[in-house]
């Protein structure tokens, strides 16, 4: 085998061993999980959810990086910074789901496969929560399953990314 063939084989091996890198974004008030309306959002803290996501990422051979902010501009900057760093995004934009055209535009602009998740079923809640500005620019939306919404969203995103590589 010549040097060029060995280099090509090493590149293929490197691509198959490199885990996917997924960004999980948590929006406003999610830092209060565990104490904020546990009847709606459950009793797990954000730290508990992040640890579950990281463990699930290991099972899926994906490196999960989590980030939370209550500030729309910080979330926008983080989405912009995801380009070239991550292969996909899981986002629970919290209340910004229903109000932020800017988040919608940022997700569309970076054009990374993104899954929208919500702990509660936003369609069984107040009318103003029934509309998502980001839904039209994501590959899918999962809501109403508590922490499982995040885990299902991560699984769906990894599956989506993996099928694109085959």
C-alpha atoms as a PDB file:
ATOM      1  CA  UNK A   1       0.000   0.000   0.000  1.00  0.00           C
ATOM      2  CA  UNK A   2       1.486   3.360  -0.985  1.00  0.00           C
ATOM      3  CA  UNK A   3       1.646   6.399   1.309  1.00  0.00           C
ATOM      4  CA  UNK A   4      -1.351   8.075  -0.358  1.00  0.00           C
ATOM      5  CA  UNK A   5      -3.562   5.009   0.176  1.00  0.00           C
ATOM      6  CA  UNK A   6      -2.488   4.777   3.825  1.00  0.00           C
ATOM      7  CA  UNK A   7      -3.292   8.472   4.353  1.00  0.00           C
ATOM      8  CA  UNK A   8      -6.739   8.013   2.785  1.00  0.00           C
ATOM      9  CA  UNK A   9      -7.443   4.966   4.950  1.00  0.00           C
ATOM     10  CA  UNK A  10      -6.403   6.905   8.051  1.00  0.00           C
ATOM     11  CA  UNK A  11      -8.760   9.750   7.108  1.00  0.00           C
ATOM     12  CA  UNK A  12     -11.651   7.290   6.751  1.00  0.00           C
ATOM     13  CA  UNK A  13     -10.750   5.718  10.104  1.00  0.00           C
ATOM     14  CA  UNK A  14     -10.542   9.149  11.741  1.00  0.00           C
ATOM     15  CA  UNK A  15     -13.981  10.118  10.386  1.00  0.00           C
ATOM     16  CA  UNK A  16     -15.561   6.947  11.713  1.00  0.00           C
ATOM     17  CA  UNK A  17     -13.998   7.305  15.181  1.00  0.00           C
ATOM     18  CA  UNK A  18     -14.619  11.018  15.688  1.00  0.00           C
ATOM     19  CA  UNK A  19     -17.748  11.436  17.814  1.00  0.00           C
ATOM     20  CA  UNK A  20     -20.411  13.853  16.766  1.00  0.00           C
ATOM     21  CA  UNK A  21     -20.367  17.115  18.652  1.00  0.00           C
ATOM     22  CA  UNK A  22     -23.798  18.318  19.771  1.00  0.00           C
ATOM     23  CA  UNK A  23     -24.696  21.611  21.436  1.00  0.00           C
ATOM     24  CA  UNK A  24     -27.650  21.569  23.838  1.00  0.00           C
ATOM     25  CA  UNK A  25     -29.028  25.045  24.536  1.00  0.00           C
ATOM     26  CA  UNK A  26     -31.341  25.866  27.438  1.00  0.00           C
ATOM     27  CA  UNK A  27     -33.195  29.164  27.406  1.00  0.00           C
ATOM     28  CA  UNK A  28     -34.592  31.468  30.068  1.00  0.00           C
ATOM     29  CA  UNK A  29     -35.709  30.230  33.488  1.00  0.00           C
ATOM     30  CA  UNK A  30     -34.486  26.688  32.866  1.00  0.00           C
ATOM     31  CA  UNK A  31     -31.775  27.333  35.449  1.00  0.00           C
ATOM     32  CA  UNK A  32     -34.664  27.178  37.968  1.00  0.00           C
ATOM     33  CA  UNK A  33     -35.702  23.641  37.083  1.00  0.00           C
ATOM     34  CA  UNK A  34     -36.355  21.524  40.139  1.00  0.00           C
ATOM     35  CA  UNK A  35     -37.906  24.442  41.991  1.00  0.00           C
ATOM     36  CA  UNK A  36     -39.956  26.206  39.311  1.00  0.00           C
ATOM     37  CA  UNK A  37     -43.470  24.752  38.906  1.00  0.00           C
ATOM     38  CA  UNK A  38     -42.473  21.092  39.433  1.00  0.00           C
ATOM     39  CA  UNK A  39     -46.020  20.021  38.514  1.00  0.00           C
ATOM     40  CA  UNK A  40     -45.330  21.270  34.977  1.00  0.00           C
ATOM     41  CA  UNK A  41     -41.568  20.922  34.597  1.00  0.00           C
ATOM     42  CA  UNK A  42     -40.733  18.052  36.958  1.00  0.00           C
ATOM     43  CA  UNK A  43     -38.400  17.839  39.925  1.00  0.00           C
ATOM     44  CA  UNK A  44     -35.065  17.335  38.131  1.00  0.00           C
ATOM     45  CA  UNK A  45     -32.614  20.211  38.152  1.00  0.00           C
ATOM     46  CA  UNK A  46     -30.907  21.505  35.023  1.00  0.00           C
ATOM     47  CA  UNK A  47     -27.684  19.920  36.284  1.00  0.00           C
ATOM     48  CA  UNK A  48     -29.491  16.543  36.531  1.00  0.00           C
ATOM     49  CA  UNK A  49     -30.752  16.930  32.962  1.00  0.00           C
ATOM     50  CA  UNK A  50     -27.305  17.921  31.676  1.00  0.00           C
ATOM     51  CA  UNK A  51     -25.723  14.838  33.278  1.00  0.00           C
ATOM     52  CA  UNK A  52     -28.384  12.603  31.699  1.00  0.00           C
ATOM     53  CA  UNK A  53     -27.733  14.213  28.311  1.00  0.00           C
ATOM     54  CA  UNK A  54     -23.981  13.732  28.619  1.00  0.00           C
ATOM     55  CA  UNK A  55     -24.476  10.059  29.582  1.00  0.00           C
ATOM     56  CA  UNK A  56     -26.865   9.543  26.667  1.00  0.00           C
ATOM     57  CA  UNK A  57     -24.345  11.236  24.384  1.00  0.00           C
ATOM     58  CA  UNK A  58     -21.691   8.719  25.421  1.00  0.00           C
ATOM     59  CA  UNK A  59     -24.046   5.853  24.529  1.00  0.00           C
ATOM     60  CA  UNK A  60     -24.680   7.491  21.154  1.00  0.00           C
ATOM     61  CA  UNK A  61     -20.986   8.258  20.578  1.00  0.00           C
ATOM     62  CA  UNK A  62     -21.677  11.982  20.634  1.00  0.00           C
ATOM     63  CA  UNK A  63     -19.968  14.642  22.712  1.00  0.00           C
ATOM     64  CA  UNK A  64     -22.656  16.792  24.306  1.00  0.00           C
ATOM     65  CA  UNK A  65     -21.921  20.347  25.390  1.00  0.00           C
ATOM     66  CA  UNK A  66     -24.639  22.106  27.372  1.00  0.00           C
ATOM     67  CA  UNK A  67     -25.230  25.814  27.855  1.00  0.00           C
ATOM     68  CA  UNK A  68     -27.963  27.868  29.542  1.00  0.00           C
ATOM     69  CA  UNK A  69     -28.682  31.572  29.422  1.00  0.00           C
ATOM     70  CA  UNK A  70     -31.551  33.831  30.387  1.00  0.00           C
ATOM     71  CA  UNK A  71     -30.366  36.385  27.824  1.00  0.00           C
ATOM     72  CA  UNK A  72     -31.501  36.284  24.217  1.00  0.00           C
ATOM     73  CA  UNK A  73     -28.325  37.906  22.842  1.00  0.00           C
ATOM     74  CA  UNK A  74     -26.111  35.376  24.610  1.00  0.00           C
ATOM     75  CA  UNK A  75     -28.155  32.541  23.106  1.00  0.00           C
ATOM     76  CA  UNK A  76     -27.845  34.167  19.672  1.00  0.00           C
ATOM     77  CA  UNK A  77     -24.073  34.507  20.034  1.00  0.00           C
ATOM     78  CA  UNK A  78     -23.840  30.861  21.125  1.00  0.00           C
ATOM     79  CA  UNK A  79     -25.842  29.709  18.093  1.00  0.00           C
ATOM     80  CA  UNK A  80     -23.606  31.790  15.799  1.00  0.00           C
ATOM     81  CA  UNK A  81     -20.524  30.304  17.474  1.00  0.00           C
ATOM     82  CA  UNK A  82     -21.808  26.774  16.920  1.00  0.00           C
ATOM     83  CA  UNK A  83     -21.002  26.966  13.224  1.00  0.00           C
ATOM     84  CA  UNK A  84     -17.880  24.900  12.598  1.00  0.00           C
ATOM     85  CA  UNK A  85     -17.825  23.664  16.216  1.00  0.00           C
ATOM     86  CA  UNK A  86     -20.870  21.378  16.342  1.00  0.00           C
ATOM     87  CA  UNK A  87     -22.716  19.148  13.915  1.00  0.00           C
ATOM     88  CA  UNK A  88     -26.133  19.873  15.419  1.00  0.00           C
ATOM     89  CA  UNK A  89     -28.135  21.638  18.113  1.00  0.00           C
ATOM     90  CA  UNK A  90     -30.822  20.573  20.569  1.00  0.00           C
ATOM     91  CA  UNK A  91     -32.636  23.636  21.886  1.00  0.00           C
ATOM     92  CA  UNK A  92     -35.203  24.340  24.548  1.00  0.00           C
ATOM     93  CA  UNK A  93     -35.641  28.045  23.958  1.00  0.00           C
ATOM     94  CA  UNK A  94     -38.122  28.329  26.823  1.00  0.00           C
ATOM     95  CA  UNK A  95     -40.345  31.385  26.505  1.00  0.00           C
ATOM     96  CA  UNK A  96     -38.215  32.667  23.594  1.00  0.00           C
ATOM     97  CA  UNK A  97     -39.786  29.866  21.544  1.00  0.00           C
ATOM     98  CA  UNK A  98     -42.963  31.939  21.384  1.00  0.00           C
ATOM     99  CA  UNK A  99     -41.446  35.402  21.031  1.00  0.00           C
ATOM    100  CA  UNK A 100     -38.051  35.404  19.330  1.00  0.00           C
ATOM    101  CA  UNK A 101     -37.770  35.940  15.624  1.00  0.00           C
ATOM    102  CA  UNK A 102     -34.064  36.568  16.277  1.00  0.00           C
ATOM    103  CA  UNK A 103     -33.514  33.005  17.572  1.00  0.00           C
ATOM    104  CA  UNK A 104     -35.436  31.650  14.594  1.00  0.00           C
ATOM    105  CA  UNK A 105     -33.258  33.674  12.219  1.00  0.00           C
ATOM    106  CA  UNK A 106     -30.022  32.596  13.954  1.00  0.00           C
ATOM    107  CA  UNK A 107     -30.951  28.914  13.683  1.00  0.00           C
ATOM    108  CA  UNK A 108     -31.811  29.390  10.011  1.00  0.00           C
ATOM    109  CA  UNK A 109     -28.593  31.341   9.398  1.00  0.00           C
ATOM    110  CA  UNK A 110     -26.185  28.748  10.787  1.00  0.00           C
ATOM    111  CA  UNK A 111     -28.155  26.006   9.009  1.00  0.00           C
ATOM    112  CA  UNK A 112     -27.157  23.276  11.476  1.00  0.00           C
ATOM    113  CA  UNK A 113     -29.635  20.441  11.996  1.00  0.00           C
ATOM    114  CA  UNK A 114     -31.571  21.482  15.088  1.00  0.00           C
ATOM    115  CA  UNK A 115     -34.193  19.770  17.229  1.00  0.00           C
ATOM    116  CA  UNK A 116     -36.571  21.835  19.377  1.00  0.00           C
ATOM    117  CA  UNK A 117     -37.526  20.280  22.718  1.00  0.00           C
ATOM    118  CA  UNK A 118     -39.852  21.197  25.579  1.00  0.00           C
ATOM    119  CA  UNK A 119     -40.413  19.488  28.912  1.00  0.00           C
ATOM    120  CA  UNK A 120     -44.140  20.253  28.853  1.00  0.00           C
ATOM    121  CA  UNK A 121     -46.583  19.835  25.992  1.00  0.00           C
ATOM    122  CA  UNK A 122     -46.740  23.420  24.754  1.00  0.00           C
ATOM    123  CA  UNK A 123     -49.992  22.672  22.902  1.00  0.00           C
ATOM    124  CA  UNK A 124     -51.798  21.721  26.128  1.00  0.00           C
ATOM    125  CA  UNK A 125     -50.872  24.982  27.816  1.00  0.00           C
ATOM    126  CA  UNK A 126     -51.828  28.626  27.428  1.00  0.00           C
ATOM    127  CA  UNK A 127     -52.735  29.734  23.912  1.00  0.00           C
ATOM    128  CA  UNK A 128     -49.686  31.997  23.599  1.00  0.00           C
ATOM    129  CA  UNK A 129     -47.452  28.913  23.998  1.00  0.00           C
ATOM    130  CA  UNK A 130     -49.017  27.133  21.019  1.00  0.00           C
ATOM    131  CA  UNK A 131     -46.932  29.058  18.483  1.00  0.00           C
ATOM    132  CA  UNK A 132     -43.229  28.374  17.972  1.00  0.00           C
ATOM    133  CA  UNK A 133     -41.219  30.794  15.877  1.00  0.00           C
ATOM    134  CA  UNK A 134     -38.382  28.286  15.637  1.00  0.00           C
ATOM    135  CA  UNK A 135     -40.404  25.213  14.583  1.00  0.00           C
ATOM    136  CA  UNK A 136     -40.326  26.086  10.849  1.00  0.00           C
ATOM    137  CA  UNK A 137     -36.506  26.084  10.772  1.00  0.00           C
ATOM    138  CA  UNK A 138     -35.756  22.954  12.843  1.00  0.00           C
ATOM    139  CA  UNK A 139     -35.767  19.338  11.687  1.00  0.00           C
ATOM    140  CA  UNK A 140     -38.236  18.343  14.403  1.00  0.00           C
ATOM    141  CA  UNK A 141     -39.930  19.200  17.662  1.00  0.00           C
ATOM    142  CA  UNK A 142     -40.471  17.016  20.741  1.00  0.00           C
ATOM    143  CA  UNK A 143     -42.564  18.203  23.666  1.00  0.00           C
ATOM    144  CA  UNK A 144     -44.515  16.920  26.604  1.00  0.00           C
ATOM    145  CA  UNK A 145     -42.336  14.039  27.777  1.00  0.00           C
ATOM    146  CA  UNK A 146     -40.443  15.767  30.582  1.00  0.00           C
ATOM    147  CA  UNK A 147     -36.723  14.998  30.585  1.00  0.00           C
ATOM    148  CA  UNK A 148     -37.378  12.326  27.952  1.00  0.00           C
ATOM    149  CA  UNK A 149     -38.059  15.160  25.484  1.00  0.00           C
ATOM    150  CA  UNK A 150     -34.389  16.117  25.717  1.00  0.00           C
ATOM    151  CA  UNK A 151     -33.142  12.532  25.450  1.00  0.00           C
ATOM    152  CA  UNK A 152     -35.466  11.753  22.526  1.00  0.00           C
ATOM    153  CA  UNK A 153     -34.375  14.980  20.836  1.00  0.00           C
ATOM    154  CA  UNK A 154     -30.715  14.042  21.216  1.00  0.00           C
ATOM    155  CA  UNK A 155     -31.364  10.525  19.912  1.00  0.00           C
ATOM    156  CA  UNK A 156     -33.314  11.870  16.928  1.00  0.00           C
ATOM    157  CA  UNK A 157     -30.605  14.394  16.085  1.00  0.00           C
ATOM    158  CA  UNK A 158     -27.806  11.824  16.279  1.00  0.00           C
ATOM    159  CA  UNK A 159     -29.856   9.431  14.132  1.00  0.00           C
ATOM    160  CA  UNK A 160     -30.479  12.212  11.603  1.00  0.00           C
ATOM    161  CA  UNK A 161     -26.778  13.116  11.475  1.00  0.00           C
ATOM    162  CA  UNK A 162     -25.661   9.491  11.254  1.00  0.00           C
ATOM    163  CA  UNK A 163     -27.952   8.687   8.345  1.00  0.00           C
ATOM    164  CA  UNK A 164     -26.561  11.713   6.503  1.00  0.00           C
ATOM    165  CA  UNK A 165     -23.041  10.270   6.784  1.00  0.00           C
ATOM    166  CA  UNK A 166     -23.943   6.894   5.267  1.00  0.00           C
END
